[in-house]
N, C-alpha and C. Protein backbone atom coordinates (compact mmCIF):
# COMPACT_ATOMS: atom_id res chain seq x y z
N MET A 1 0.85 -1.18 0.00
CA MET A 1 0.00 0.00 0.00
C MET A 1 0.89 1.24 0.00
N ILE A 2 0.49 2.22 -0.78
CA ILE A 2 1.19 3.49 -0.87
C ILE A 2 0.22 4.59 -0.46
N GLY A 3 0.68 5.53 0.34
CA GLY A 3 -0.15 6.66 0.74
C GLY A 3 0.33 7.93 0.07
N ILE A 4 -0.61 8.76 -0.31
CA ILE A 4 -0.29 10.05 -0.93
C ILE A 4 -1.09 11.11 -0.20
N THR A 5 -0.44 12.21 0.11
CA THR A 5 -1.12 13.32 0.75
C THR A 5 -1.27 14.46 -0.25
N LEU A 6 -2.51 14.92 -0.41
CA LEU A 6 -2.80 16.03 -1.30
C LEU A 6 -3.50 17.13 -0.51
N THR A 7 -3.20 18.35 -0.83
CA THR A 7 -3.92 19.46 -0.21
C THR A 7 -5.25 19.65 -0.92
N ALA A 8 -6.16 20.36 -0.27
CA ALA A 8 -7.45 20.66 -0.89
C ALA A 8 -7.24 21.45 -2.18
N ASP A 9 -6.27 22.36 -2.22
CA ASP A 9 -5.99 23.14 -3.44
C ASP A 9 -5.48 22.24 -4.57
N GLN A 10 -4.64 21.26 -4.24
CA GLN A 10 -4.15 20.35 -5.27
C GLN A 10 -5.31 19.55 -5.86
N ILE A 11 -6.21 19.11 -5.01
CA ILE A 11 -7.37 18.34 -5.49
C ILE A 11 -8.25 19.23 -6.36
N CYS A 12 -8.52 20.44 -5.89
CA CYS A 12 -9.40 21.34 -6.64
C CYS A 12 -8.81 21.75 -7.98
N ASN A 13 -7.50 21.79 -8.09
CA ASN A 13 -6.85 22.18 -9.34
C ASN A 13 -6.58 21.01 -10.26
N ALA A 14 -6.88 19.79 -9.81
CA ALA A 14 -6.68 18.60 -10.64
C ALA A 14 -7.76 18.53 -11.71
N PRO A 15 -7.51 17.82 -12.80
CA PRO A 15 -8.55 17.63 -13.82
C PRO A 15 -9.79 16.98 -13.21
N ILE A 16 -10.94 17.24 -13.81
CA ILE A 16 -12.22 16.77 -13.28
C ILE A 16 -12.24 15.25 -13.10
N GLU A 17 -11.64 14.51 -14.04
CA GLU A 17 -11.63 13.05 -13.93
C GLU A 17 -10.86 12.61 -12.70
N VAL A 18 -9.76 13.27 -12.42
CA VAL A 18 -8.96 12.95 -11.24
C VAL A 18 -9.72 13.29 -9.97
N ARG A 19 -10.39 14.45 -9.94
CA ARG A 19 -11.18 14.84 -8.76
C ARG A 19 -12.28 13.83 -8.48
N ARG A 20 -12.97 13.40 -9.54
CA ARG A 20 -14.04 12.42 -9.36
C ARG A 20 -13.49 11.10 -8.85
N TRP A 21 -12.35 10.68 -9.38
CA TRP A 21 -11.75 9.44 -8.91
C TRP A 21 -11.35 9.55 -7.44
N ILE A 22 -10.72 10.66 -7.07
CA ILE A 22 -10.32 10.87 -5.67
C ILE A 22 -11.55 10.88 -4.76
N GLU A 23 -12.59 11.59 -5.18
CA GLU A 23 -13.81 11.65 -4.39
C GLU A 23 -14.39 10.25 -4.18
N HIS A 24 -14.45 9.46 -5.24
CA HIS A 24 -14.98 8.10 -5.14
C HIS A 24 -14.12 7.26 -4.21
N GLU A 25 -12.82 7.36 -4.31
CA GLU A 25 -11.92 6.58 -3.47
C GLU A 25 -12.02 6.97 -1.99
N VAL A 26 -12.14 8.27 -1.72
CA VAL A 26 -12.30 8.73 -0.34
C VAL A 26 -13.58 8.18 0.25
N ILE A 27 -14.66 8.29 -0.49
CA ILE A 27 -15.95 7.82 0.00
C ILE A 27 -15.92 6.31 0.20
N ALA A 28 -15.38 5.59 -0.76
CA ALA A 28 -15.28 4.14 -0.63
C ALA A 28 -14.39 3.78 0.56
N GLY A 29 -13.33 4.53 0.76
CA GLY A 29 -12.44 4.28 1.89
C GLY A 29 -13.10 4.50 3.24
N LEU A 30 -14.05 5.38 3.28
CA LEU A 30 -14.79 5.63 4.51
C LEU A 30 -15.95 4.65 4.67
N ARG A 31 -16.08 3.74 3.72
CA ARG A 31 -17.13 2.73 3.72
C ARG A 31 -18.52 3.34 3.63
N MET A 32 -18.59 4.55 3.02
CA MET A 32 -19.89 5.18 2.79
C MET A 32 -20.52 4.61 1.53
N ALA A 33 -19.69 4.06 0.64
CA ALA A 33 -20.23 3.53 -0.61
C ALA A 33 -19.46 2.29 -1.00
N PRO A 34 -20.14 1.30 -1.53
CA PRO A 34 -19.40 0.20 -2.12
C PRO A 34 -18.67 0.70 -3.36
N ARG A 35 -17.56 0.08 -3.71
CA ARG A 35 -16.75 0.55 -4.83
C ARG A 35 -17.48 0.51 -6.16
N ASP A 36 -18.50 -0.34 -6.31
CA ASP A 36 -19.18 -0.43 -7.59
C ASP A 36 -20.51 0.30 -7.60
N ALA A 37 -20.78 1.15 -6.62
CA ALA A 37 -22.07 1.85 -6.56
C ALA A 37 -21.97 3.18 -7.28
N ALA A 38 -22.02 3.15 -8.61
CA ALA A 38 -21.86 4.37 -9.39
C ALA A 38 -23.14 5.18 -9.46
N SER A 39 -24.28 4.55 -9.25
CA SER A 39 -25.51 5.30 -9.39
C SER A 39 -26.51 4.95 -8.28
N SER A 40 -26.04 4.87 -7.06
CA SER A 40 -26.91 4.54 -5.94
C SER A 40 -27.79 5.72 -5.58
N PRO A 41 -29.08 5.51 -5.37
CA PRO A 41 -29.95 6.61 -4.98
C PRO A 41 -29.75 6.97 -3.51
N PRO A 42 -30.24 8.13 -3.09
CA PRO A 42 -30.14 8.49 -1.69
C PRO A 42 -30.93 7.49 -0.85
N ARG A 43 -30.54 7.38 0.41
CA ARG A 43 -31.30 6.53 1.33
C ARG A 43 -32.71 7.07 1.45
N SER A 44 -33.59 6.25 1.96
CA SER A 44 -35.01 6.62 1.96
C SER A 44 -35.38 7.60 3.08
N THR A 45 -34.52 7.82 4.04
CA THR A 45 -34.85 8.78 5.10
C THR A 45 -34.75 10.19 4.55
N HIS A 46 -35.49 11.10 5.16
CA HIS A 46 -35.47 12.49 4.71
C HIS A 46 -34.92 13.37 5.82
N PRO A 47 -34.13 14.37 5.44
CA PRO A 47 -33.64 15.30 6.44
C PRO A 47 -34.79 16.12 7.03
N ALA A 48 -34.62 16.51 8.27
CA ALA A 48 -35.63 17.29 8.97
C ALA A 48 -35.70 18.71 8.42
N VAL A 49 -36.86 19.30 8.54
CA VAL A 49 -37.02 20.73 8.28
C VAL A 49 -36.79 21.42 9.62
N CYS A 50 -35.74 22.25 9.68
CA CYS A 50 -35.38 22.93 10.93
C CYS A 50 -35.83 24.38 10.89
N SER A 51 -36.49 24.80 11.95
CA SER A 51 -36.96 26.18 12.07
C SER A 51 -35.79 27.11 12.39
N GLU A 52 -36.05 28.40 12.32
CA GLU A 52 -35.03 29.39 12.69
C GLU A 52 -34.58 29.18 14.13
N ASP A 53 -35.53 28.93 15.03
CA ASP A 53 -35.19 28.72 16.44
C ASP A 53 -34.33 27.48 16.62
N GLU A 54 -34.64 26.42 15.87
CA GLU A 54 -33.84 25.20 15.98
C GLU A 54 -32.43 25.41 15.46
N ILE A 55 -32.29 26.13 14.35
CA ILE A 55 -30.95 26.42 13.83
C ILE A 55 -30.16 27.24 14.84
N ALA A 56 -30.80 28.22 15.47
CA ALA A 56 -30.12 29.02 16.49
C ALA A 56 -29.72 28.15 17.67
N ALA A 57 -30.57 27.21 18.07
CA ALA A 57 -30.25 26.32 19.19
C ALA A 57 -29.10 25.37 18.82
N ILE A 58 -29.10 24.88 17.60
CA ILE A 58 -28.00 24.02 17.14
C ILE A 58 -26.70 24.82 17.15
N PHE A 59 -26.76 26.05 16.65
CA PHE A 59 -25.58 26.94 16.68
C PHE A 59 -25.08 27.08 18.12
N GLY A 60 -25.98 27.30 19.06
CA GLY A 60 -25.60 27.42 20.46
C GLY A 60 -24.94 26.16 21.00
N GLN A 61 -25.46 25.00 20.60
CA GLN A 61 -24.87 23.75 21.07
C GLN A 61 -23.49 23.51 20.46
N LEU A 62 -23.24 24.05 19.30
CA LEU A 62 -21.98 23.80 18.59
C LEU A 62 -20.91 24.84 18.89
N ARG A 63 -21.23 25.84 19.68
CA ARG A 63 -20.21 26.84 20.04
C ARG A 63 -19.03 26.13 20.66
N GLY A 64 -17.85 26.53 20.31
CA GLY A 64 -16.66 25.86 20.79
C GLY A 64 -16.25 24.68 19.92
N MET A 65 -16.99 24.45 18.84
CA MET A 65 -16.67 23.37 17.89
C MET A 65 -16.51 24.00 16.50
N PRO A 66 -15.36 24.62 16.24
CA PRO A 66 -15.20 25.36 14.98
C PRO A 66 -15.40 24.51 13.73
N VAL A 67 -15.02 23.26 13.75
CA VAL A 67 -15.21 22.42 12.57
C VAL A 67 -16.70 22.26 12.28
N ALA A 68 -17.48 21.95 13.32
CA ALA A 68 -18.92 21.76 13.13
C ALA A 68 -19.58 23.06 12.68
N LEU A 69 -19.16 24.19 13.23
CA LEU A 69 -19.74 25.48 12.82
C LEU A 69 -19.37 25.82 11.38
N SER A 70 -18.14 25.50 10.99
CA SER A 70 -17.74 25.74 9.60
C SER A 70 -18.60 24.93 8.64
N VAL A 71 -18.84 23.67 8.99
CA VAL A 71 -19.68 22.81 8.15
C VAL A 71 -21.11 23.33 8.15
N LEU A 72 -21.64 23.67 9.33
CA LEU A 72 -23.02 24.18 9.42
C LEU A 72 -23.21 25.38 8.50
N PHE A 73 -22.29 26.33 8.54
CA PHE A 73 -22.47 27.54 7.77
C PHE A 73 -22.16 27.37 6.29
N GLU A 74 -21.58 26.25 5.89
CA GLU A 74 -21.46 25.96 4.46
C GLU A 74 -22.84 25.75 3.84
N PHE A 75 -23.80 25.37 4.65
CA PHE A 75 -25.16 25.14 4.14
C PHE A 75 -25.93 26.44 3.92
N ARG A 76 -25.31 27.58 4.20
CA ARG A 76 -26.00 28.86 3.97
C ARG A 76 -26.13 29.16 2.49
N GLN A 77 -25.27 28.57 1.70
CA GLN A 77 -25.25 28.85 0.26
C GLN A 77 -26.47 28.23 -0.42
N PRO A 78 -27.17 28.98 -1.25
CA PRO A 78 -28.27 28.37 -2.00
C PRO A 78 -27.71 27.37 -3.00
N GLY A 79 -28.54 26.47 -3.42
CA GLY A 79 -28.09 25.46 -4.37
C GLY A 79 -29.23 24.94 -5.20
N ILE A 80 -28.95 23.90 -5.92
CA ILE A 80 -29.96 23.28 -6.76
C ILE A 80 -30.85 22.41 -5.89
N ALA A 81 -32.15 22.57 -6.05
CA ALA A 81 -33.12 21.77 -5.30
C ALA A 81 -33.80 20.81 -6.26
N PHE A 82 -34.04 19.60 -5.78
CA PHE A 82 -34.75 18.63 -6.59
C PHE A 82 -35.48 17.67 -5.67
N GLY A 83 -36.38 16.90 -6.23
CA GLY A 83 -37.12 15.89 -5.48
C GLY A 83 -38.40 16.43 -4.89
N ASN A 84 -39.11 15.53 -4.23
CA ASN A 84 -40.35 15.91 -3.55
C ASN A 84 -40.39 15.19 -2.22
N PRO A 85 -40.21 15.88 -1.10
CA PRO A 85 -40.03 17.32 -0.97
C PRO A 85 -38.65 17.74 -1.49
N PRO A 86 -38.55 18.98 -1.94
CA PRO A 86 -37.28 19.43 -2.52
C PRO A 86 -36.15 19.43 -1.49
N LEU A 87 -34.99 18.98 -1.93
CA LEU A 87 -33.79 18.94 -1.09
C LEU A 87 -32.66 19.65 -1.81
N LYS A 88 -31.79 20.27 -1.03
CA LYS A 88 -30.58 20.89 -1.57
C LYS A 88 -29.48 19.85 -1.50
N SER A 89 -28.72 19.74 -2.55
CA SER A 89 -27.63 18.77 -2.61
C SER A 89 -26.30 19.51 -2.54
N SER A 90 -25.39 18.97 -1.74
CA SER A 90 -24.02 19.51 -1.66
C SER A 90 -23.05 18.34 -1.74
N ARG A 91 -21.94 18.56 -2.41
CA ARG A 91 -20.90 17.54 -2.44
C ARG A 91 -20.03 17.67 -1.20
N LEU A 92 -19.72 16.54 -0.57
CA LEU A 92 -18.88 16.56 0.62
C LEU A 92 -17.51 17.16 0.32
N MET A 93 -16.99 16.91 -0.88
CA MET A 93 -15.68 17.47 -1.25
C MET A 93 -15.76 18.99 -1.37
N ASP A 94 -16.90 19.52 -1.81
CA ASP A 94 -17.06 20.98 -1.88
C ASP A 94 -17.11 21.57 -0.47
N ILE A 95 -17.81 20.90 0.43
CA ILE A 95 -17.85 21.37 1.83
C ILE A 95 -16.44 21.38 2.39
N LEU A 96 -15.68 20.32 2.14
CA LEU A 96 -14.29 20.24 2.60
C LEU A 96 -13.49 21.44 2.12
N HIS A 97 -13.58 21.71 0.82
CA HIS A 97 -12.80 22.81 0.24
C HIS A 97 -13.29 24.18 0.72
N ASN A 98 -14.59 24.41 0.64
CA ASN A 98 -15.13 25.74 0.99
C ASN A 98 -14.98 26.07 2.46
N ALA A 99 -15.08 25.05 3.33
CA ALA A 99 -14.92 25.29 4.77
C ALA A 99 -13.45 25.34 5.17
N LYS A 100 -12.57 25.10 4.20
CA LYS A 100 -11.12 25.12 4.42
C LYS A 100 -10.70 24.13 5.51
N LEU A 101 -11.31 22.95 5.46
CA LEU A 101 -10.95 21.88 6.39
C LEU A 101 -9.84 21.04 5.79
N GLU A 102 -9.23 20.21 6.60
CA GLU A 102 -8.07 19.46 6.15
C GLU A 102 -8.38 18.07 5.65
N SER A 103 -9.51 17.50 6.05
CA SER A 103 -9.81 16.12 5.65
C SER A 103 -11.31 15.90 5.61
N ILE A 104 -11.70 14.89 4.85
CA ILE A 104 -13.11 14.53 4.77
C ILE A 104 -13.60 14.04 6.13
N GLU A 105 -12.70 13.50 6.94
CA GLU A 105 -13.08 13.07 8.29
C GLU A 105 -13.56 14.26 9.12
N GLN A 106 -12.94 15.43 8.93
CA GLN A 106 -13.40 16.62 9.63
C GLN A 106 -14.81 17.00 9.19
N VAL A 107 -15.09 16.90 7.90
CA VAL A 107 -16.43 17.18 7.39
C VAL A 107 -17.43 16.24 8.06
N MET A 108 -17.09 14.96 8.08
CA MET A 108 -18.00 13.97 8.67
C MET A 108 -18.17 14.19 10.17
N THR A 109 -17.11 14.58 10.85
CA THR A 109 -17.20 14.90 12.28
C THR A 109 -18.15 16.07 12.50
N GLY A 110 -18.02 17.10 11.66
CA GLY A 110 -18.92 18.25 11.75
C GLY A 110 -20.36 17.87 11.49
N LEU A 111 -20.60 17.07 10.45
CA LEU A 111 -21.96 16.64 10.14
C LEU A 111 -22.54 15.77 11.25
N ASP A 112 -21.71 14.90 11.80
CA ASP A 112 -22.18 14.07 12.92
C ASP A 112 -22.57 14.93 14.12
N ALA A 113 -21.77 15.95 14.40
CA ALA A 113 -22.07 16.85 15.53
C ALA A 113 -23.38 17.61 15.29
N ILE A 114 -23.59 18.06 14.06
CA ILE A 114 -24.82 18.79 13.72
C ILE A 114 -26.03 17.86 13.86
N ASN A 115 -25.92 16.65 13.31
CA ASN A 115 -27.01 15.68 13.43
C ASN A 115 -27.28 15.34 14.89
N ALA A 116 -26.23 15.17 15.69
CA ALA A 116 -26.40 14.86 17.11
C ALA A 116 -27.06 16.01 17.86
N ALA A 117 -26.69 17.24 17.51
CA ALA A 117 -27.28 18.41 18.17
C ALA A 117 -28.78 18.48 17.88
N LEU A 118 -29.17 18.21 16.64
CA LEU A 118 -30.60 18.23 16.30
C LEU A 118 -31.33 17.10 17.02
N ALA A 119 -30.75 15.90 17.02
CA ALA A 119 -31.39 14.76 17.70
C ALA A 119 -31.58 15.06 19.18
N GLU A 120 -30.58 15.66 19.81
CA GLU A 120 -30.69 16.02 21.22
C GLU A 120 -31.75 17.10 21.44
N LEU A 121 -31.74 18.09 20.57
CA LEU A 121 -32.68 19.20 20.68
C LEU A 121 -34.13 18.70 20.58
N ARG A 122 -34.37 17.80 19.68
CA ARG A 122 -35.73 17.28 19.47
C ARG A 122 -36.07 16.10 20.37
N GLY A 123 -35.06 15.58 21.06
CA GLY A 123 -35.31 14.40 21.88
C GLY A 123 -35.66 13.18 21.02
N ASP A 124 -35.14 13.16 19.80
CA ASP A 124 -35.44 12.10 18.85
C ASP A 124 -34.13 11.63 18.22
N PRO A 125 -33.64 10.46 18.61
CA PRO A 125 -32.37 9.99 18.05
C PRO A 125 -32.41 9.75 16.54
N GLY A 126 -33.59 9.66 15.96
CA GLY A 126 -33.71 9.45 14.52
C GLY A 126 -33.76 10.74 13.71
N ALA A 127 -33.83 11.89 14.37
CA ALA A 127 -33.89 13.17 13.66
C ALA A 127 -32.55 13.41 12.97
N ARG A 128 -32.61 13.79 11.69
CA ARG A 128 -31.41 14.01 10.89
C ARG A 128 -31.44 15.40 10.28
N PHE A 129 -30.41 16.17 10.52
CA PHE A 129 -30.25 17.48 9.90
C PHE A 129 -30.05 17.31 8.40
N CYS A 130 -29.25 16.32 8.04
CA CYS A 130 -28.95 16.05 6.65
C CYS A 130 -28.85 14.55 6.43
N ASP A 131 -28.83 14.17 5.17
CA ASP A 131 -28.70 12.77 4.81
C ASP A 131 -27.69 12.67 3.68
N PHE A 132 -27.30 11.46 3.32
CA PHE A 132 -26.25 11.23 2.34
C PHE A 132 -26.68 10.20 1.32
N ASP A 133 -26.05 10.24 0.15
CA ASP A 133 -26.18 9.14 -0.78
C ASP A 133 -24.85 8.40 -0.82
N ASN A 134 -24.74 7.44 -1.69
CA ASN A 134 -23.53 6.63 -1.77
C ASN A 134 -22.46 7.22 -2.67
N GLU A 135 -22.68 8.42 -3.16
CA GLU A 135 -21.72 9.05 -4.05
C GLU A 135 -21.10 10.32 -3.46
N GLY A 136 -21.24 10.51 -2.17
CA GLY A 136 -20.60 11.65 -1.52
C GLY A 136 -21.37 12.94 -1.59
N HIS A 137 -22.69 12.84 -1.67
CA HIS A 137 -23.55 14.03 -1.65
C HIS A 137 -24.30 14.08 -0.33
N CYS A 138 -24.51 15.28 0.12
CA CYS A 138 -25.24 15.54 1.36
C CYS A 138 -26.52 16.26 0.97
N PHE A 139 -27.65 15.88 1.60
CA PHE A 139 -28.95 16.46 1.26
C PHE A 139 -29.53 17.17 2.46
N LEU A 140 -30.13 18.32 2.22
CA LEU A 140 -30.65 19.19 3.26
C LEU A 140 -31.99 19.75 2.81
N ALA A 141 -32.94 19.85 3.73
CA ALA A 141 -34.23 20.44 3.39
C ALA A 141 -34.02 21.91 3.00
N ILE A 142 -34.72 22.35 1.98
CA ILE A 142 -34.59 23.72 1.48
C ILE A 142 -34.91 24.73 2.58
N GLU A 143 -35.93 24.46 3.37
CA GLU A 143 -36.30 25.37 4.46
C GLU A 143 -35.18 25.48 5.48
N THR A 144 -34.52 24.37 5.74
CA THR A 144 -33.39 24.37 6.68
C THR A 144 -32.26 25.22 6.12
N GLN A 145 -31.96 25.06 4.83
CA GLN A 145 -30.91 25.85 4.19
C GLN A 145 -31.22 27.34 4.33
N ALA A 146 -32.47 27.72 4.09
CA ALA A 146 -32.85 29.13 4.19
C ALA A 146 -32.68 29.64 5.62
N ASN A 147 -32.98 28.81 6.60
CA ASN A 147 -32.84 29.24 7.99
C ASN A 147 -31.39 29.31 8.44
N VAL A 148 -30.53 28.44 7.89
CA VAL A 148 -29.09 28.56 8.15
C VAL A 148 -28.58 29.88 7.55
N ALA A 149 -29.02 30.19 6.33
CA ALA A 149 -28.61 31.44 5.68
C ALA A 149 -29.08 32.65 6.48
N LYS A 150 -30.29 32.59 7.02
CA LYS A 150 -30.81 33.70 7.82
C LYS A 150 -29.98 33.90 9.09
N LEU A 151 -29.66 32.80 9.77
CA LEU A 151 -28.83 32.92 10.98
C LEU A 151 -27.47 33.50 10.63
N TRP A 152 -26.85 33.02 9.55
CA TRP A 152 -25.56 33.55 9.11
C TRP A 152 -25.66 35.06 8.85
N HIS A 153 -26.70 35.46 8.14
CA HIS A 153 -26.90 36.87 7.85
C HIS A 153 -27.05 37.67 9.14
N ASP A 154 -27.86 37.18 10.08
CA ASP A 154 -28.08 37.88 11.35
C ASP A 154 -26.78 38.02 12.13
N ILE A 155 -25.95 36.99 12.12
CA ILE A 155 -24.67 37.05 12.84
C ILE A 155 -23.73 38.06 12.17
N VAL A 156 -23.66 38.04 10.86
CA VAL A 156 -22.78 38.96 10.12
C VAL A 156 -23.23 40.40 10.34
N VAL A 157 -24.54 40.65 10.24
CA VAL A 157 -25.06 42.00 10.44
C VAL A 157 -24.75 42.47 11.86
N ARG A 158 -24.94 41.60 12.83
CA ARG A 158 -24.66 41.95 14.21
C ARG A 158 -23.18 42.29 14.40
N GLN A 159 -22.28 41.50 13.78
CA GLN A 159 -20.85 41.76 13.90
C GLN A 159 -20.45 43.05 13.19
N GLU A 160 -21.08 43.33 12.07
CA GLU A 160 -20.76 44.57 11.36
C GLU A 160 -21.28 45.79 12.12
N ALA A 161 -22.38 45.64 12.82
CA ALA A 161 -22.95 46.75 13.58
C ALA A 161 -22.15 47.02 14.85
N ALA A 162 -21.56 45.99 15.42
CA ALA A 162 -20.84 46.15 16.69
C ALA A 162 -19.69 47.14 16.60
N PRO A 163 -18.80 47.05 15.59
CA PRO A 163 -17.71 48.03 15.52
C PRO A 163 -18.22 49.46 15.33
N THR A 164 -19.29 49.63 14.60
CA THR A 164 -19.86 50.96 14.40
C THR A 164 -20.30 51.54 15.73
N ASN A 165 -20.97 50.73 16.54
CA ASN A 165 -21.44 51.19 17.85
C ASN A 165 -20.28 51.53 18.77
N ARG A 166 -19.19 50.77 18.66
CA ARG A 166 -18.05 51.05 19.52
C ARG A 166 -17.34 52.33 19.11
N ARG A 167 -17.39 52.67 17.84
CA ARG A 167 -16.70 53.88 17.37
C ARG A 167 -17.46 55.15 17.69
N GLU A 168 -18.75 55.09 17.80
CA GLU A 168 -19.53 56.29 18.01
C GLU A 168 -19.10 57.08 19.25
N PRO A 169 -18.91 56.44 20.41
CA PRO A 169 -18.48 57.25 21.57
C PRO A 169 -17.12 57.90 21.33
N LEU A 170 -16.22 57.23 20.60
CA LEU A 170 -14.91 57.84 20.33
C LEU A 170 -15.07 59.08 19.45
N LEU A 171 -15.96 59.04 18.49
CA LEU A 171 -16.18 60.20 17.64
C LEU A 171 -16.79 61.36 18.41
N ARG A 172 -17.68 61.06 19.34
CA ARG A 172 -18.30 62.12 20.10
C ARG A 172 -17.33 62.80 21.05
N THR A 173 -16.44 62.02 21.68
CA THR A 173 -15.51 62.63 22.63
C THR A 173 -14.44 63.42 21.90
N ALA A 174 -14.12 63.02 20.66
CA ALA A 174 -13.06 63.73 19.94
C ALA A 174 -13.60 65.04 19.36
N GLY A 175 -14.92 65.14 19.18
CA GLY A 175 -15.47 66.32 18.52
C GLY A 175 -15.77 67.34 19.50
């Protein structure tokens, strides 16, 4: 056996065929997919629809877990929705790259923490924030994605407003 270490940038800059092969090998290595499952459908379970309050509570439970928060906020991005009920699809490799994480294991750790936080919040061990297929895609309810985006927006607006409020007393005393 030979091991090779690649950075996320090296993977992203590789030709598409190489990226797809790497993605398939990583997923197969994590035993998420059999090696010959080229067109496996998503599992039959559906991700939960999370309200704004639930997303805020999950955020609160994940404070102090930067990997999980990075993964959570990757879901703020709108995406292509399909199915009935409609679901947003994200590639695990894209989450890895966009969240600037070092390994797919970190992505999975973050997703596990998010799923566990929702299950604890609802008191239902079967509650799932997201679900997966055998090809390295993660599925999220559209309403949940919108509520993650709203929380992200609220946090960013709050942070942008905070420095302005701190500067105002300095401007008044100087004038």
